[in-house]
Structures are given as C-alpha cells and as structure tokens.
N, C-alpha and C. Protein backbone atom coordinates (compact mmCIF):
# COMPACT_ATOMS: atom_id res chain seq x y z
N MET A 1 -24.14 -8.59 2.93
CA MET A 1 -22.63 -8.31 2.68
C MET A 1 -21.87 -6.62 3.18
N ARG A 2 -21.10 -6.97 4.15
CA ARG A 2 -20.28 -5.61 4.42
C ARG A 2 -19.68 -5.16 2.99
N ARG A 3 -19.13 -3.79 3.08
CA ARG A 3 -18.85 -3.04 2.09
C ARG A 3 -16.94 -3.47 1.90
N PRO A 4 -16.47 -3.93 0.98
CA PRO A 4 -15.00 -4.55 1.00
C PRO A 4 -14.09 -3.52 1.75
N ARG A 5 -13.17 -3.55 2.05
CA ARG A 5 -12.16 -2.57 2.25
C ARG A 5 -10.91 -2.22 1.41
N LEU A 6 -10.82 -1.08 1.29
CA LEU A 6 -10.37 -0.25 0.33
C LEU A 6 -9.07 0.10 0.80
N GLY A 7 -7.87 -0.11 0.59
CA GLY A 7 -6.86 0.73 0.71
C GLY A 7 -6.46 1.65 -0.30
N LEU A 8 -5.91 2.88 0.43
CA LEU A 8 -5.81 3.70 -0.74
C LEU A 8 -4.46 4.24 -0.29
N SER A 9 -2.76 5.01 -0.77
CA SER A 9 -1.77 5.65 -0.25
C SER A 9 -2.17 6.88 0.61
N GLY A 10 -1.49 7.22 1.49
CA GLY A 10 -2.42 8.31 2.20
C GLY A 10 -2.33 9.96 0.90
N CYS A 11 -1.71 9.87 0.64
CA CYS A 11 -1.25 11.28 -0.02
C CYS A 11 -2.48 11.28 -1.24
N LEU A 12 -3.26 9.91 -1.31
CA LEU A 12 -4.11 10.28 -2.41
C LEU A 12 -5.00 10.74 -2.03
N LEU A 13 -5.72 10.86 -0.76
CA LEU A 13 -7.13 11.61 0.11
C LEU A 13 -6.58 12.93 0.87
N HIS A 14 -5.63 12.53 1.84
CA HIS A 14 -5.22 13.93 2.64
C HIS A 14 -4.17 14.83 2.17
N ALA A 15 -4.49 16.00 1.73
CA ALA A 15 -3.35 17.03 1.55
C ALA A 15 -2.51 17.09 2.76
N GLY A 16 -1.30 17.63 1.95
CA GLY A 16 0.45 17.52 2.86
C GLY A 16 0.83 16.50 3.05
N LEU A 17 0.29 15.41 2.76
CA LEU A 17 1.04 13.73 3.04
C LEU A 17 2.40 13.42 2.29
N ARG A 18 2.53 14.21 0.80
CA ARG A 18 3.41 14.08 -0.01
C ARG A 18 4.62 14.36 0.48
N TYR A 19 5.90 13.82 0.38
CA TYR A 19 7.24 14.47 0.44
C TYR A 19 7.36 15.99 0.69
N ASP A 20 7.07 16.60 -0.61
CA ASP A 20 7.23 17.76 -0.70
C ASP A 20 5.94 18.71 -0.13
N GLY A 21 5.15 18.09 0.49
CA GLY A 21 4.00 19.09 0.73
C GLY A 21 2.87 20.01 0.30
N ARG A 22 3.43 18.88 -1.23
CA ARG A 22 2.42 19.36 -2.38
C ARG A 22 1.07 18.56 -2.25
N ASP A 23 0.13 19.35 -2.53
CA ASP A 23 -1.23 18.40 -2.72
C ASP A 23 -1.49 17.54 -3.25
N VAL A 24 -1.72 16.27 -3.37
CA VAL A 24 -2.08 15.67 -4.74
C VAL A 24 -3.06 14.39 -4.76
N SER A 25 -3.76 15.03 -3.26
CA SER A 25 -5.05 14.45 -3.51
C SER A 25 -6.04 14.74 -4.30
N ASN A 26 -6.86 13.49 -4.34
CA ASN A 26 -7.45 13.22 -5.55
C ASN A 26 -9.05 13.02 -5.07
N PRO A 27 -9.93 14.34 -4.96
CA PRO A 27 -11.33 14.78 -4.81
C PRO A 27 -12.10 13.52 -5.24
N SER A 28 -11.89 12.85 -6.46
CA SER A 28 -12.63 11.93 -6.79
C SER A 28 -12.62 10.48 -6.19
N LEU A 29 -11.62 10.19 -5.73
CA LEU A 29 -11.13 9.49 -5.07
C LEU A 29 -12.15 9.32 -3.58
N ASN A 30 -12.64 10.36 -3.40
CA ASN A 30 -13.42 9.87 -2.18
C ASN A 30 -14.88 9.75 -2.04
N ALA A 31 -14.91 9.86 -3.72
CA ALA A 31 -16.63 9.36 -3.59
C ALA A 31 -16.62 7.80 -4.03
N LEU A 32 -14.92 7.08 -3.42
CA LEU A 32 -15.42 5.55 -3.31
C LEU A 32 -15.72 4.98 -1.89
N ALA A 33 -15.90 5.95 -0.87
CA ALA A 33 -16.21 6.03 0.54
C ALA A 33 -18.02 5.37 0.46
N GLU A 34 -18.71 5.65 -0.59
CA GLU A 34 -20.18 5.26 -0.78
C GLU A 34 -20.45 3.84 -1.26
N ARG A 35 -19.18 3.36 -1.87
CA ARG A 35 -18.67 1.62 -2.19
C ARG A 35 -17.60 1.00 -1.01
N PHE A 36 -17.42 1.88 -0.42
CA PHE A 36 -16.11 0.63 -0.05
C PHE A 36 -15.83 1.50 1.32
N GLU A 37 -14.97 0.62 2.38
CA GLU A 37 -14.96 1.24 3.45
C GLU A 37 -13.44 1.43 3.35
N LEU A 38 -12.98 2.44 3.27
CA LEU A 38 -12.13 3.63 2.96
C LEU A 38 -10.87 3.16 4.05
N ILE A 39 -9.59 2.68 3.72
CA ILE A 39 -8.14 2.15 4.71
C ILE A 39 -6.86 3.29 3.90
N THR A 40 -6.74 4.11 4.95
CA THR A 40 -6.03 4.88 4.21
C THR A 40 -4.11 4.77 4.94
N ARG A 41 -3.22 4.95 3.98
CA ARG A 41 -1.53 4.51 5.07
C ARG A 41 -0.75 5.35 4.43
N CYS A 42 -0.13 6.07 4.86
CA CYS A 42 1.13 6.56 3.81
C CYS A 42 2.70 6.01 4.71
N PRO A 43 3.12 5.41 4.57
CA PRO A 43 4.06 4.11 4.87
C PRO A 43 5.28 5.33 5.12
N GLU A 44 5.84 6.28 4.74
CA GLU A 44 7.02 7.03 4.72
C GLU A 44 6.63 7.98 5.44
N VAL A 45 5.58 8.46 6.27
CA VAL A 45 4.95 9.19 7.82
C VAL A 45 4.74 8.51 8.38
N GLY A 46 4.31 7.01 8.49
CA GLY A 46 3.83 6.25 9.54
C GLY A 46 5.39 5.56 10.00
N ALA A 47 6.47 5.86 8.76
CA ALA A 47 8.28 5.24 9.58
C ALA A 47 9.17 6.87 10.39
N GLY A 48 7.78 7.85 10.21
CA GLY A 48 8.52 8.30 10.91
C GLY A 48 9.08 9.76 9.62
N MET A 49 9.09 9.94 8.98
CA MET A 49 9.37 10.78 8.20
C MET A 49 8.51 11.92 8.04
N PRO A 50 9.11 13.45 8.47
CA PRO A 50 8.10 14.79 8.37
C PRO A 50 8.25 14.85 6.84
N THR A 51 6.98 16.16 6.24
CA THR A 51 6.57 16.31 5.36
C THR A 51 6.66 18.05 5.38
N PRO A 52 7.16 18.37 4.98
CA PRO A 52 7.95 18.56 3.55
C PRO A 52 9.07 17.95 4.07
N ARG A 53 10.07 17.25 2.95
CA ARG A 53 11.20 16.75 3.28
C ARG A 53 11.61 16.26 1.90
N PRO A 54 13.07 16.36 1.60
CA PRO A 54 13.92 16.20 0.42
C PRO A 54 12.99 14.83 -0.15
N PRO A 55 13.26 14.15 -0.92
CA PRO A 55 12.95 13.36 -1.65
C PRO A 55 13.36 11.90 -1.08
N ILE A 56 13.04 10.67 -0.50
CA ILE A 56 14.33 9.47 -0.53
C ILE A 56 13.73 8.72 -1.85
N ASP A 57 15.44 7.86 -2.03
CA ASP A 57 15.54 7.07 -2.93
C ASP A 57 15.88 5.59 -2.51
N TRP A 58 15.55 4.77 -3.49
CA TRP A 58 15.62 2.89 -3.12
C TRP A 58 16.93 3.05 -3.68
N VAL A 59 18.31 2.47 -2.97
CA VAL A 59 19.07 2.89 -3.81
C VAL A 59 19.90 1.46 -3.30
N GLY A 60 19.68 0.38 -4.02
CA GLY A 60 20.58 -0.86 -3.64
C GLY A 60 18.91 -1.29 -2.61
N ASP A 61 19.51 -1.82 -1.67
CA ASP A 61 18.25 -2.58 -0.90
C ASP A 61 17.83 -1.82 0.61
N ARG A 62 18.14 -0.21 0.27
CA ARG A 62 17.86 0.80 1.34
C ARG A 62 17.14 1.66 0.66
N ILE A 63 16.23 1.84 1.21
CA ILE A 63 15.28 3.38 1.31
C ILE A 63 16.09 4.47 2.15
N MET A 64 16.67 5.60 1.14
CA MET A 64 18.00 6.33 1.59
C MET A 64 17.28 8.01 1.30
N ASP A 65 17.26 8.93 2.38
CA ASP A 65 17.53 10.61 2.30
C ASP A 65 18.76 10.67 2.05
N ARG A 66 19.11 10.33 0.73
CA ARG A 66 20.84 10.99 0.32
C ARG A 66 20.85 12.24 0.24
N ALA A 67 20.37 13.46 0.75
CA ALA A 67 20.84 14.63 1.00
C ALA A 67 20.94 14.66 2.54
N ALA A 68 20.77 14.02 3.30
CA ALA A 68 20.43 14.00 4.81
C ALA A 68 21.65 12.51 5.21
N GLY A 69 21.39 11.91 4.23
CA GLY A 69 22.61 10.23 4.78
C GLY A 69 21.53 9.48 5.73
N ILE A 70 20.19 9.37 5.66
CA ILE A 70 19.24 9.00 6.44
C ILE A 70 19.03 7.83 5.88
N ASP A 71 19.46 6.47 6.62
CA ASP A 71 19.21 4.99 6.34
C ASP A 71 17.56 5.19 6.49
N TRP A 72 16.31 5.06 5.62
CA TRP A 72 15.09 5.22 6.04
C TRP A 72 14.33 3.26 6.59
N THR A 73 15.48 2.46 6.11
CA THR A 73 15.07 0.96 5.40
C THR A 73 14.42 0.81 7.52
N PRO A 74 14.99 0.72 8.07
CA PRO A 74 14.48 -0.43 9.31
C PRO A 74 13.47 0.32 9.78
N PRO A 75 13.24 1.51 9.52
CA PRO A 75 12.07 1.79 10.05
C PRO A 75 10.71 1.83 9.30
N LEU A 76 10.76 2.05 8.05
CA LEU A 76 9.61 1.40 7.00
C LEU A 76 9.83 0.11 7.16
N ARG A 77 10.83 -0.87 7.36
CA ARG A 77 10.01 -2.15 7.49
C ARG A 77 9.36 -2.70 8.62
N ALA A 78 9.74 -1.64 9.59
CA ALA A 78 9.34 -1.92 11.16
C ALA A 78 7.62 -1.31 11.03
N TRP A 79 7.40 -0.46 10.42
CA TRP A 79 5.85 -0.16 10.02
C TRP A 79 4.94 -0.90 9.30
N ILE A 80 5.78 -1.43 8.29
CA ILE A 80 4.59 -2.37 7.14
C ILE A 80 5.16 -3.55 7.96
N GLU A 81 5.61 -3.88 8.63
CA GLU A 81 5.52 -5.48 9.80
C GLU A 81 4.28 -5.04 10.75
N ALA A 82 4.50 -3.68 11.40
CA ALA A 82 3.21 -3.56 12.26
C ALA A 82 1.83 -3.64 11.47
N THR A 83 2.04 -2.78 10.75
CA THR A 83 1.07 -2.50 9.80
C THR A 83 0.17 -3.77 9.66
N LEU A 84 0.83 -4.66 8.44
CA LEU A 84 0.36 -5.99 8.06
C LEU A 84 0.00 -6.62 9.00
N ALA A 85 0.33 -6.51 10.62
CA ALA A 85 -0.36 -7.47 11.59
C ALA A 85 -1.52 -6.64 12.18
N GLU A 86 -1.87 -5.42 11.40
CA GLU A 86 -3.00 -4.85 12.46
C GLU A 86 -4.17 -4.66 11.48
N LEU A 87 -4.07 -4.73 10.06
CA LEU A 87 -4.34 -3.87 9.31
C LEU A 87 -5.34 -5.16 8.64
N GLY A 88 -5.95 -6.38 9.61
CA GLY A 88 -6.86 -6.52 9.08
C GLY A 88 -7.76 -7.15 7.29
N PRO A 89 -8.47 -7.46 7.69
CA PRO A 89 -8.73 -8.42 5.83
C PRO A 89 -8.74 -6.83 4.82
N ILE A 90 -8.60 -6.81 4.21
CA ILE A 90 -7.99 -5.71 2.87
C ILE A 90 -8.58 -6.80 1.74
N HIS A 91 -8.98 -5.74 0.84
CA HIS A 91 -9.70 -7.30 -0.72
C HIS A 91 -9.43 -5.91 -1.71
N GLY A 92 -8.79 -4.46 -1.85
CA GLY A 92 -7.48 -3.71 -2.97
C GLY A 92 -6.74 -3.09 -2.38
N TRP A 93 -5.79 -2.16 -3.01
CA TRP A 93 -5.21 -1.07 -2.75
C TRP A 93 -5.00 0.25 -3.92
N ILE A 94 -5.44 1.03 -4.07
CA ILE A 94 -4.91 2.21 -4.70
C ILE A 94 -3.79 2.89 -4.11
N LEU A 95 -2.55 2.54 -4.90
CA LEU A 95 -0.71 3.27 -4.63
C LEU A 95 -0.61 4.37 -5.49
N LYS A 96 0.49 4.88 -4.40
CA LYS A 96 0.88 6.26 -5.84
C LYS A 96 1.77 6.17 -6.67
N ARG A 97 1.48 5.91 -8.10
CA ARG A 97 2.87 6.25 -8.48
C ARG A 97 3.95 6.86 -8.49
N ARG A 98 5.02 6.06 -8.85
CA ARG A 98 6.26 6.01 -8.94
C ARG A 98 7.10 6.55 -7.10
N SER A 99 6.29 6.35 -6.04
CA SER A 99 7.01 6.44 -5.10
C SER A 99 7.37 4.84 -4.63
N PRO A 100 8.59 5.36 -4.05
CA PRO A 100 9.70 4.79 -3.70
C PRO A 100 9.27 3.87 -2.36
N SER A 101 8.06 4.08 -2.18
CA SER A 101 7.67 2.78 -1.02
C SER A 101 6.30 2.49 -1.42
N CYS A 102 5.65 3.55 -2.73
CA CYS A 102 3.68 2.48 -2.92
C CYS A 102 3.73 2.46 -4.54
N GLY A 103 4.68 2.90 -5.31
CA GLY A 103 4.70 2.30 -6.30
C GLY A 103 4.91 1.19 -7.11
N LEU A 104 3.92 0.78 -8.28
CA LEU A 104 3.43 0.16 -8.52
C LEU A 104 4.37 -0.94 -10.11
N GLY A 105 5.45 -1.38 -9.71
CA GLY A 105 5.92 -1.66 -10.80
C GLY A 105 6.69 -0.11 -11.63
N SER A 106 6.83 1.18 -10.73
CA SER A 106 7.05 2.15 -11.44
C SER A 106 7.87 2.92 -10.06
N ALA A 107 8.28 2.62 -9.34
CA ALA A 107 9.79 2.86 -8.37
C ALA A 107 11.21 2.61 -8.64
N ALA A 108 11.69 3.93 -8.57
CA ALA A 108 13.12 3.31 -9.21
C ALA A 108 13.72 2.77 -8.24
N ARG A 109 14.61 2.19 -8.59
CA ARG A 109 16.05 1.49 -7.67
C ARG A 109 17.45 1.71 -8.66
N TYR A 110 18.01 2.32 -7.61
CA TYR A 110 19.26 2.38 -8.19
C TYR A 110 20.12 1.34 -8.09
N GLY A 111 21.10 1.02 -8.96
CA GLY A 111 21.61 0.14 -8.30
C GLY A 111 22.66 -0.04 -9.48
N VAL A 112 23.70 -0.91 -9.04
CA VAL A 112 24.98 -0.44 -10.37
C VAL A 112 24.82 -0.84 -11.75
N ASP A 113 24.15 -1.09 -12.04
CA ASP A 113 23.40 -1.59 -13.53
C ASP A 113 22.42 -0.29 -13.96
N GLY A 114 22.04 0.63 -12.88
CA GLY A 114 21.55 1.79 -13.61
C GLY A 114 20.18 1.68 -12.97
N VAL A 115 18.89 2.29 -12.98
CA VAL A 115 17.73 2.48 -12.56
C VAL A 115 16.99 1.39 -13.09
N ALA A 116 16.06 0.74 -12.19
CA ALA A 116 15.00 -0.29 -12.61
C ALA A 116 14.11 0.11 -12.02
N ARG A 117 12.74 -0.57 -12.85
CA ARG A 117 11.21 -0.16 -12.27
C ARG A 117 10.61 -1.39 -11.24
N VAL A 118 10.46 -0.96 -10.44
CA VAL A 118 9.82 -2.20 -9.76
C VAL A 118 8.84 -1.45 -8.56
N ASP A 119 8.76 -2.45 -8.06
CA ASP A 119 7.17 -2.23 -6.88
C ASP A 119 7.90 -1.45 -5.23
N GLY A 120 7.45 -0.74 -5.38
CA GLY A 120 7.89 0.28 -3.67
C GLY A 120 7.81 -0.97 -2.52
N ILE A 121 8.64 -0.53 -1.43
CA ILE A 121 8.83 -1.24 -0.62
C ILE A 121 7.20 -1.99 0.09
N TRP A 122 6.50 -0.82 0.01
CA TRP A 122 4.93 -1.00 0.69
C TRP A 122 4.08 -1.74 -0.36
N ALA A 123 3.85 -1.63 -1.51
CA ALA A 123 3.80 -2.47 -2.42
C ALA A 123 4.12 -3.86 -3.02
N ALA A 124 5.43 -4.07 -2.67
CA ALA A 124 5.95 -5.02 -2.84
C ALA A 124 5.54 -6.30 -1.59
N ALA A 125 5.42 -5.84 -0.39
CA ALA A 125 5.24 -6.19 0.88
C ALA A 125 3.08 -6.74 0.75
N LEU A 126 2.58 -5.95 0.05
CA LEU A 126 0.76 -5.57 -0.10
C LEU A 126 1.06 -7.08 -0.83
N ARG A 127 2.01 -7.45 -1.85
CA ARG A 127 2.02 -8.19 -3.02
C ARG A 127 2.06 -9.26 -2.38
N ALA A 128 3.51 -9.52 -1.93
CA ALA A 128 3.79 -10.68 -0.93
C ALA A 128 2.83 -11.43 0.20
N ARG A 129 2.64 -10.78 0.78
CA ARG A 129 1.21 -11.02 1.67
C ARG A 129 0.16 -11.69 0.94
N TRP A 130 -0.50 -10.92 0.09
CA TRP A 130 -1.64 -11.33 -0.43
C TRP A 130 -1.34 -11.24 -1.93
N PRO A 131 -1.12 -12.39 -2.90
CA PRO A 131 -0.60 -12.29 -3.76
C PRO A 131 -1.86 -12.39 -4.56
N ALA A 132 -3.11 -12.37 -4.59
CA ALA A 132 -4.09 -12.01 -5.51
C ALA A 132 -5.10 -10.73 -5.44
N LEU A 133 -4.59 -10.16 -4.40
CA LEU A 133 -5.19 -8.66 -4.04
C LEU A 133 -5.08 -7.93 -5.23
N PRO A 134 -6.31 -7.17 -5.59
CA PRO A 134 -6.13 -6.49 -6.50
C PRO A 134 -5.63 -4.96 -6.00
N LEU A 135 -4.14 -4.75 -7.31
CA LEU A 135 -3.70 -3.81 -6.57
C LEU A 135 -3.14 -3.25 -8.20
N ILE A 136 -3.36 -1.26 -8.08
CA ILE A 136 -3.41 -0.58 -9.09
C ILE A 136 -2.93 0.65 -8.89
N ASP A 137 -2.06 1.41 -9.30
CA ASP A 137 -2.16 2.92 -8.77
C ASP A 137 -3.32 3.93 -9.65
N GLU A 138 -2.76 5.22 -8.84
CA GLU A 138 -4.14 5.79 -9.34
C GLU A 138 -4.04 6.20 -10.84
N VAL A 139 -2.95 6.74 -11.59
CA VAL A 139 -3.04 6.47 -13.01
C VAL A 139 -3.63 5.57 -14.03
N GLY A 140 -3.80 4.44 -13.28
CA GLY A 140 -4.61 3.34 -13.60
C GLY A 140 -5.73 2.82 -13.39
N PHE A 141 -6.19 3.60 -12.04
CA PHE A 141 -7.14 3.46 -11.44
C PHE A 141 -8.58 4.91 -12.37
N ALA A 142 -7.80 5.67 -12.75
CA ALA A 142 -8.42 6.75 -13.46
C ALA A 142 -8.78 6.27 -15.15
N ALA A 143 -7.91 4.87 -15.13
CA ALA A 143 -7.79 4.73 -16.54
C ALA A 143 -8.86 3.50 -16.79
N ASP A 144 -8.88 2.68 -15.56
CA ASP A 144 -10.58 1.86 -15.94
C ASP A 144 -10.98 1.81 -14.37
N GLU A 145 -11.76 3.14 -13.74
CA GLU A 145 -11.93 2.48 -12.25
C GLU A 145 -12.91 1.41 -12.62
N ALA A 146 -14.46 1.02 -13.32
CA ALA A 146 -15.19 0.01 -12.91
C ALA A 146 -14.54 -0.87 -13.41
N ALA A 147 -13.31 -1.42 -13.50
CA ALA A 147 -12.78 -2.97 -13.89
C ALA A 147 -12.36 -3.05 -12.55
N PHE A 148 -11.26 -1.92 -11.70
CA PHE A 148 -10.95 -2.56 -10.81
C PHE A 148 -11.96 -2.67 -9.49
N GLU A 149 -13.05 -1.78 -9.37
CA GLU A 149 -13.93 -2.11 -8.62
C GLU A 149 -14.74 -3.48 -8.90
N ARG A 150 -14.68 -3.79 -9.83
CA ARG A 150 -15.13 -5.28 -10.18
C ARG A 150 -14.06 -6.15 -9.49
N GLN A 151 -12.92 -5.94 -9.83
CA GLN A 151 -11.81 -7.07 -9.05
C GLN A 151 -12.04 -7.01 -7.42
N VAL A 152 -12.13 -5.52 -7.07
CA VAL A 152 -11.96 -5.49 -5.42
C VAL A 152 -13.42 -6.68 -4.75
N TRP A 153 -14.56 -5.83 -5.62
CA TRP A 153 -15.77 -6.59 -5.01
C TRP A 153 -15.89 -8.43 -5.21
N ALA A 154 -14.98 -8.76 -6.60
CA ALA A 154 -15.12 -9.93 -6.87
C ALA A 154 -14.29 -10.62 -5.75
N TYR A 155 -13.23 -10.54 -5.62
CA TYR A 155 -12.09 -10.41 -4.27
C TYR A 155 -12.85 -10.73 -2.92
N ALA A 156 -13.68 -9.90 -3.08
CA ALA A 156 -14.06 -9.47 -1.17
C ALA A 156 -15.01 -10.72 -1.35
N LEU A 157 -16.00 -10.74 -2.33
CA LEU A 157 -16.84 -11.83 -2.18
C LEU A 157 -15.94 -12.99 -1.82
N ALA A 158 -14.71 -13.86 -2.55
CA ALA A 158 -14.11 -14.74 -2.47
C ALA A 158 -13.73 -15.15 -0.93
N ASP A 159 -13.49 -13.39 -0.32
CA ASP A 159 -13.02 -13.89 1.01
C ASP A 159 -13.88 -14.09 1.67
N GLN A 160 -15.04 -13.69 1.39
CA GLN A 160 -15.92 -14.02 2.54
C GLN A 160 -16.93 -15.12 2.72
N ALA A 161 -16.43 -15.72 1.50
CA ALA A 161 -16.76 -17.57 0.98
C ALA A 161 -15.87 -18.34 1.68
N ARG A 162 -14.32 -18.37 1.91
CA ARG A 162 -13.16 -18.52 2.43
C ARG A 162 -14.14 -19.47 4.04
N PRO A 163 -13.52 -20.59 4.90
CA PRO A 163 -13.72 -20.69 5.46
C PRO A 163 -13.04 -20.15 6.46
N ALA A 164 -13.18 -19.44 8.44
CA ALA A 164 -12.08 -19.06 9.03
C ALA A 164 -11.68 -19.80 9.25
N ARG A 165 -9.96 -19.26 9.04
CA ARG A 165 -9.31 -20.04 9.61
C ARG A 165 -9.19 -20.22 10.88
N SER A 166 -8.99 -22.62 10.60
CA SER A 166 -9.10 -22.38 11.55
C SER A 166 -7.26 -22.72 13.35
N THR A 167 -7.71 -22.63 14.05
CA THR A 167 -6.69 -22.50 15.06
C THR A 167 -5.92 -23.34 15.78
N GLY A 168 -6.65 -24.85 15.22
CA GLY A 168 -6.28 -26.49 15.20
C GLY A 168 -6.78 -26.52 16.58
N ALA A 169 -7.11 -25.86 17.48
CA ALA A 169 -7.92 -26.10 19.04
C ALA A 169 -9.14 -27.10 18.95
N GLU A 170 -9.94 -27.45 18.05
CA GLU A 170 -11.06 -28.11 17.43
C GLU A 170 -10.93 -29.30 17.63
N ALA A 171 -9.54 -29.84 16.70
CA ALA A 171 -8.81 -30.63 16.18
C ALA A 171 -8.23 -32.23 17.47
N ARG A 172 -7.88 -31.30 18.46
CA ARG A 172 -7.27 -31.98 19.50
C ARG A 172 -8.45 -32.21 20.25
N PRO A 173 -7.79 -33.43 20.94
CA PRO A 173 -8.48 -34.64 21.96
C PRO A 173 -8.61 -33.58 23.18
N LYS A 174 -10.45 -33.88 23.80
CA LYS A 174 -10.26 -33.08 25.58
C LYS A 174 -9.66 -34.20 26.04
N GLN A 175 -8.92 -33.36 26.91
CA GLN A 175 -8.44 -34.43 28.12
C GLN A 175 -9.14 -33.95 29.84
C-alpha cells in the first residue's frame, strides 16, 4: 500500500506563512514525512493574501480584512473550489487552531449575537466534502499523535478497499 496522503495547514510546516509572518512551523511534524505523503496548503496565501498582513476575521458570512475593508470571501471560495478539485485522494488533515480558514471548531465567527466558535472556511469545506475524513488541529495532534495516525491509516485502508468510481460507460450498450 502506498503511504496515506496527509494534509497540513501550510503554516505548520513552512515558516513565514502565518498572517503576521511569525514562524509557527512545527519541526516535529516533519517526521510525519517518514510515514505519510505530506500535502500542505494555505488557503489564505492561496487566495492571494500577503504575509505579513493584518488579521482577517469571519464576520457574518464574510471573511474580512477589517483594517483595509477587503472582503476575501470570493477569492477564498474560488481557491477552495479549485483546490478540492485538484487535491486527489486525501486521508487526513492537520489544521491550524483558531484560524478563520483552518480552525477546527475554534475559528471565531462574529455575528449579531456575539462570537461563535466554528470550523474555519477550509476546515468546513474539507468536512463537507469528506465527512469521515480524520481532521485534527495541531494541539489535538500533539496530545495524541498515535490515535490520529491510526485513524488516518484506517481511513486510507478503507479508501483503498473501495471500488473505483464508475463513469457509467461500461453499463451502456454498444452501438
């Protein structure tokens, strides 16, 4: 069996991708490359946001740079759609905690009723596309790496056992 494909928020492996330019990369995550094919993506940089930059906020249904008055929702949604289309098989994802794009139940969403903690826009897209996909943030991963790795391997084995998707062409009578 090929190594499972494990996605990571880009800032967890690559210095300088965080909105404020700080290095929050986690060298211990590099060791995962021995057991997994690592795929890194940063929705914010992918959507064209520079680093460093002011933080973005999820306000209502919009992802905003409130300091500059820029609505990043359309480019983020376009990046998500394109990335999901080209990503290929994926077997798990480690996300950046509290990020408006990658937070897993920890992104602040500001509304008329106050602040709610929700999935970031990328985390929500991953969950919607692959409801059973193992997802975790870097804090949860650090707390129980082995359990998450087992979930990823189990998902990959189940994925490998699934029959290839039919195009329907083989069911059509020959003319």
